[in-house]
C-alpha atoms as a PDB file:
ATOM      1  CA  MET A   1      73.559  16.992  11.690  1.00  0.00           C
ATOM      2  CA  LYS A   2      69.598  16.518  10.437  1.00  0.00           C
ATOM      3  CA  LYS A   3      67.409  19.407  10.532  1.00  0.00           C
ATOM      4  CA  ASP A   4      63.667  20.247  10.241  1.00  0.00           C
ATOM      5  CA  ILE A   5      63.181  20.392   6.326  1.00  0.00           C
ATOM      6  CA  THR A   6      61.387  23.910   6.036  1.00  0.00           C
ATOM      7  CA  ALA A   7      58.299  24.444   3.673  1.00  0.00           C
ATOM      8  CA  SER A   8      60.958  26.204   1.262  1.00  0.00           C
ATOM      9  CA  LEU A   9      62.889  23.075   1.074  1.00  0.00           C
ATOM     10  CA  LEU A  10      60.581  20.836   0.557  1.00  0.00           C
ATOM     11  CA  LYS A  11      59.061  22.870  -2.465  1.00  0.00           C
ATOM     12  CA  ARG A  12      62.218  22.481  -3.917  1.00  0.00           C
ATOM     13  CA  LEU A  13      63.277  19.036  -3.445  1.00  0.00           C
ATOM     14  CA  GLY A  14      59.645  18.212  -5.039  1.00  0.00           C
ATOM     15  CA  GLU A  15      60.440  20.245  -8.118  1.00  0.00           C
ATOM     16  CA  ALA A  16      63.653  18.508  -8.394  1.00  0.00           C
ATOM     17  CA  ALA A  17      62.084  15.112  -8.112  1.00  0.00           C
ATOM     18  CA  ASP A  18      59.404  16.274 -10.348  1.00  0.00           C
ATOM     19  CA  GLY A  19      62.290  17.125 -13.263  1.00  0.00           C
ATOM     20  CA  TYR A  20      63.159  13.545 -13.101  1.00  0.00           C
ATOM     21  CA  ARG A  21      59.718  12.102 -13.821  1.00  0.00           C
ATOM     22  CA  GLY A  22      59.751   8.370 -15.430  1.00  0.00           C
ATOM     23  CA  GLU A  23      63.197   7.997 -14.363  1.00  0.00           C
ATOM     24  CA  ASN A  24      64.547   5.310 -11.642  1.00  0.00           C
ATOM     25  CA  ASP A  25      64.860   6.474  -8.045  1.00  0.00           C
ATOM     26  CA  ILE A  26      66.921   9.459  -7.599  1.00  0.00           C
ATOM     27  CA  TYR A  27      68.898  10.890  -4.374  1.00  0.00           C
ATOM     28  CA  ILE A  28      69.354  14.283  -4.047  1.00  0.00           C
ATOM     29  CA  VAL A  29      71.797  16.196  -2.276  1.00  0.00           C
ATOM     30  CA  ALA A  30      70.413  19.658  -0.841  1.00  0.00           C
ATOM     31  CA  SER A  31      71.251  22.614   1.306  1.00  0.00           C
ATOM     32  CA  TYR A  32      69.270  23.395   4.141  1.00  0.00           C
ATOM     33  CA  THR A  33      69.937  27.256   3.423  1.00  0.00           C
ATOM     34  CA  PHE A  34      67.138  29.257   0.818  1.00  0.00           C
ATOM     35  CA  PRO A  35      67.802  28.805  -1.974  1.00  0.00           C
ATOM     36  CA  HIS A  36      68.470  25.195  -1.550  1.00  0.00           C
ATOM     37  CA  GLU A  37      71.265  24.452  -3.791  1.00  0.00           C
ATOM     38  CA  LEU A  38      70.957  21.017  -4.886  1.00  0.00           C
ATOM     39  CA  SER A  39      72.415  18.355  -6.882  1.00  0.00           C
ATOM     40  CA  VAL A  40      70.512  15.133  -8.439  1.00  0.00           C
ATOM     41  CA  PHE A  41      72.637  11.917  -8.407  1.00  0.00           C
ATOM     42  CA  ASN A  42      70.939   8.120  -9.896  1.00  0.00           C
ATOM     43  CA  SER A  43      72.271   6.337  -6.883  1.00  0.00           C
ATOM     44  CA  GLU A  44      72.902   6.698  -3.224  1.00  0.00           C
ATOM     45  CA  SER A  45      76.409   5.873  -3.502  1.00  0.00           C
ATOM     46  CA  LYS A  46      77.024   9.005  -5.831  1.00  0.00           C
ATOM     47  CA  ALA A  47      75.189  11.147  -3.673  1.00  0.00           C
ATOM     48  CA  LYS A  48      76.736  10.058  -0.121  1.00  0.00           C
ATOM     49  CA  GLU A  49      80.171  10.450  -2.343  1.00  0.00           C
ATOM     50  CA  TYR A  50      79.146  14.152  -3.378  1.00  0.00           C
ATOM     51  CA  TYR A  51      77.639  14.758   0.474  1.00  0.00           C
ATOM     52  CA  SER A  52      81.460  13.621   1.874  1.00  0.00           C
ATOM     53  CA  ILE A  53      82.683  16.780   0.643  1.00  0.00           C
ATOM     54  CA  LEU A  54      79.976  19.141   1.861  1.00  0.00           C
ATOM     55  CA  ASP A  55      79.217  21.277   4.818  1.00  0.00           C
ATOM     56  CA  GLN A  56      77.489  18.217   6.490  1.00  0.00           C
ATOM     57  CA  ASP A  57      75.410  20.466   8.781  1.00  0.00           C
ATOM     58  CA  GLU A  58      74.016  22.694   6.278  1.00  0.00           C
ATOM     59  CA  ASN A  59      73.608  19.941   3.536  1.00  0.00           C
ATOM     60  CA  ASN A  60      71.549  16.164   3.070  1.00  0.00           C
ATOM     61  CA  ILE A  61      70.766  13.536   1.365  1.00  0.00           C
ATOM     62  CA  PHE A  62      67.185  12.953   0.600  1.00  0.00           C
ATOM     63  CA  GLY A  63      65.468  10.281  -1.098  1.00  0.00           C
ATOM     64  CA  PRO A  64      65.074   7.741  -2.917  1.00  0.00           C
ATOM     65  CA  TYR A  65      62.586   9.300  -5.088  1.00  0.00           C
ATOM     66  CA  ASN A  66      60.744   8.374  -8.101  1.00  0.00           C
ATOM     67  CA  THR A  67      57.514  10.217  -9.599  1.00  0.00           C
ATOM     68  CA  PRO A  68      56.388   8.225 -12.471  1.00  0.00           C
ATOM     69  CA  ILE A  69      54.907   9.439 -15.865  1.00  0.00           C
ATOM     70  CA  GLU A  70      51.009   8.762 -15.723  1.00  0.00           C
ATOM     71  CA  ASN A  71      50.688   9.519 -19.426  1.00  0.00           C
ATOM     72  CA  PRO A  72      53.761   8.678 -21.301  1.00  0.00           C
ATOM     73  CA  PRO A  73      54.349  10.025 -24.626  1.00  0.00           C
ATOM     74  CA  THR A  74      54.835   7.592 -27.809  1.00  0.00           C
ATOM     75  CA  ASP A  75      57.639  10.006 -29.247  1.00  0.00           C
ATOM     76  CA  THR A  76      60.971  11.156 -28.117  1.00  0.00           C
ATOM     77  CA  ILE A  77      62.884  14.120 -28.810  1.00  0.00           C
ATOM     78  CA  ILE A  78      66.224  13.069 -29.176  1.00  0.00           C
ATOM     79  CA  SER A  79      68.025  16.853 -29.703  1.00  0.00           C
ATOM     80  CA  ILE A  80      66.728  20.426 -29.824  1.00  0.00           C
ATOM     81  CA  ILE A  81      68.853  22.675 -32.287  1.00  0.00           C
ATOM     82  CA  VAL A  82      69.070  26.573 -31.210  1.00  0.00           C
ATOM     83  CA  ASN A  83      70.780  28.894 -33.585  1.00  0.00           C
ATOM     84  CA  ILE A  84      71.432  32.323 -32.301  1.00  0.00           C
ATOM     85  CA  GLU A  85      72.047  35.266 -34.058  1.00  0.00           C
ATOM     86  CA  LYS A  86      75.144  37.606 -32.117  1.00  0.00           C
ATOM     87  CA  ASP A  87      75.718  41.332 -32.379  1.00  0.00           C
ATOM     88  CA  ASP A  88      78.153  40.857 -35.456  1.00  0.00           C
ATOM     89  CA  GLY A  89      75.881  38.413 -37.644  1.00  0.00           C
ATOM     90  CA  SER A  90      77.597  35.770 -36.396  1.00  0.00           C
ATOM     91  CA  VAL A  91      75.345  32.388 -35.708  1.00  0.00           C
ATOM     92  CA  ASN A  92      76.083  30.028 -32.741  1.00  0.00           C
ATOM     93  CA  GLU A  93      74.516  26.586 -33.160  1.00  0.00           C
ATOM     94  CA  ILE A  94      73.776  25.076 -29.697  1.00  0.00           C
ATOM     95  CA  ILE A  95      72.671  21.857 -29.467  1.00  0.00           C
ATOM     96  CA  LEU A  96      70.838  20.897 -26.301  1.00  0.00           C
ATOM     97  CA  ASP A  97      70.057  17.392 -24.798  1.00  0.00           C
ATOM     98  CA  PRO A  98      66.110  17.618 -23.719  1.00  0.00           C
ATOM     99  CA  LYS A  99      67.255  14.593 -21.047  1.00  0.00           C
ATOM    100  CA  GLU A 100      68.873  17.817 -19.590  1.00  0.00           C
ATOM    101  CA  TYR A 101      66.565  20.569 -20.468  1.00  0.00           C
ATOM    102  CA  ASP A 102      62.771  20.397 -19.645  1.00  0.00           C
ATOM    103  CA  ALA A 103      61.359  23.676 -20.966  1.00  0.00           C
ATOM    104  CA  LEU A 104      62.857  26.650 -23.180  1.00  0.00           C
ATOM    105  CA  PHE A 105      62.107  30.471 -22.912  1.00  0.00           C
ATOM    106  CA  PHE A 106      62.770  32.555 -26.294  1.00  0.00           C
ATOM    107  CA  SER A 107      61.268  35.612 -25.622  1.00  0.00           C
ATOM    108  CA  GLU A 108      60.845  38.077 -22.591  1.00  0.00           C
ATOM    109  CA  SER A 109      57.023  37.547 -22.994  1.00  0.00           C
ATOM    110  CA  ALA A 110      57.382  33.817 -22.371  1.00  0.00           C
ATOM    111  CA  LYS A 111      59.834  34.514 -19.540  1.00  0.00           C
ATOM    112  CA  ASP A 112      57.113  37.087 -18.265  1.00  0.00           C
ATOM    113  CA  LYS A 113      54.785  34.938 -18.105  1.00  0.00           C
ATOM    114  CA  PHE A 114      55.791  31.249 -17.624  1.00  0.00           C
ATOM    115  CA  LEU A 115      59.506  31.247 -16.148  1.00  0.00           C
ATOM    116  CA  TYR A 116      59.390  34.115 -13.546  1.00  0.00           C
ATOM    117  CA  PRO A 117      56.083  33.503 -12.268  1.00  0.00           C
ATOM    118  CA  TYR A 118      57.502  29.343 -11.745  1.00  0.00           C
ATOM    119  CA  TYR A 119      60.490  30.969 -10.048  1.00  0.00           C
ATOM    120  CA  THR A 120      58.411  33.603  -7.641  1.00  0.00           C
ATOM    121  CA  ASN A 121      56.479  30.355  -6.503  1.00  0.00           C
ATOM    122  CA  LEU A 122      59.278  28.366  -5.900  1.00  0.00           C
ATOM    123  CA  TYR A 123      62.044  30.872  -4.498  1.00  0.00           C
ATOM    124  CA  GLY A 124      60.137  34.069  -4.032  1.00  0.00           C
ATOM    125  CA  VAL A 125      59.235  37.671  -5.427  1.00  0.00           C
ATOM    126  CA  GLU A 126      63.035  38.787  -4.592  1.00  0.00           C
ATOM    127  CA  PHE A 127      64.990  35.880  -5.841  1.00  0.00           C
ATOM    128  CA  ALA A 128      62.574  36.130  -9.002  1.00  0.00           C
ATOM    129  CA  ALA A 129      62.955  40.321  -9.391  1.00  0.00           C
ATOM    130  CA  LYS A 130      66.873  39.576  -9.432  1.00  0.00           C
ATOM    131  CA  MET A 131      66.370  36.967 -11.961  1.00  0.00           C
ATOM    132  CA  LYS A 132      64.666  39.113 -13.847  1.00  0.00           C
ATOM    133  CA  LYS A 133      67.141  42.082 -13.562  1.00  0.00           C
ATOM    134  CA  ASP A 134      69.902  40.092 -14.265  1.00  0.00           C
ATOM    135  CA  SER A 135      68.720  38.470 -17.403  1.00  0.00           C
ATOM    136  CA  ILE A 136      70.365  39.421 -20.563  1.00  0.00           C
ATOM    137  CA  ALA A 137      70.478  35.964 -22.212  1.00  0.00           C
ATOM    138  CA  ALA A 138      68.500  35.586 -25.404  1.00  0.00           C
ATOM    139  CA  ALA A 139      66.884  32.423 -24.610  1.00  0.00           C
ATOM    140  CA  VAL A 140      66.731  30.758 -21.244  1.00  0.00           C
ATOM    141  CA  GLY A 141      66.303  26.977 -20.636  1.00  0.00           C
ATOM    142  CA  HIS A 142      65.142  25.394 -17.664  1.00  0.00           C
ATOM    143  CA  ILE A 143      66.766  22.377 -16.482  1.00  0.00           C
ATOM    144  CA  LYS A 144      65.127  19.155 -14.428  1.00  0.00           C
ATOM    145  CA  GLN A 145      66.939  20.494 -11.321  1.00  0.00           C
ATOM    146  CA  SER A 146      64.515  23.460 -11.099  1.00  0.00           C
ATOM    147  CA  THR A 147      67.391  25.868 -12.054  1.00  0.00           C
ATOM    148  CA  ARG A 148      67.635  28.226 -15.274  1.00  0.00           C
ATOM    149  CA  THR A 149      70.828  28.521 -17.397  1.00  0.00           C
ATOM    150  CA  PRO A 150      71.146  30.952 -20.345  1.00  0.00           C
ATOM    151  CA  ILE A 151      71.717  29.812 -23.660  1.00  0.00           C
END
């Protein structure tokens, strides 16, 4: 059953689609319920396969979306290496795929200036405040689907 698309869902879909700027058509399977959990697929058949296992009254397939790059860069980042020193002095080397991550935040100041305002705009003050309260990661990566993950 298709439902009306709320402003918060529309914003979430737009942000997710924008994360795949310059790629071919994408399809998004998203929940109608806030905070609109979603998954992105590069084919309609994969989106339909995933959608088939979900509650179809609470989710839907949206797309195809294609967001072109207006001024494509001439260079390509092929990998990102982050070394994190643990409390015991050991170092974890983490290799990040720039096709998955589109932003990294390494300080509380950067999170306060860029990450939390973005999520406040996307999800609301309460969501961003909880995210900030629960954040213990040394670094946070923003992934294309407009979600975040500790690094």
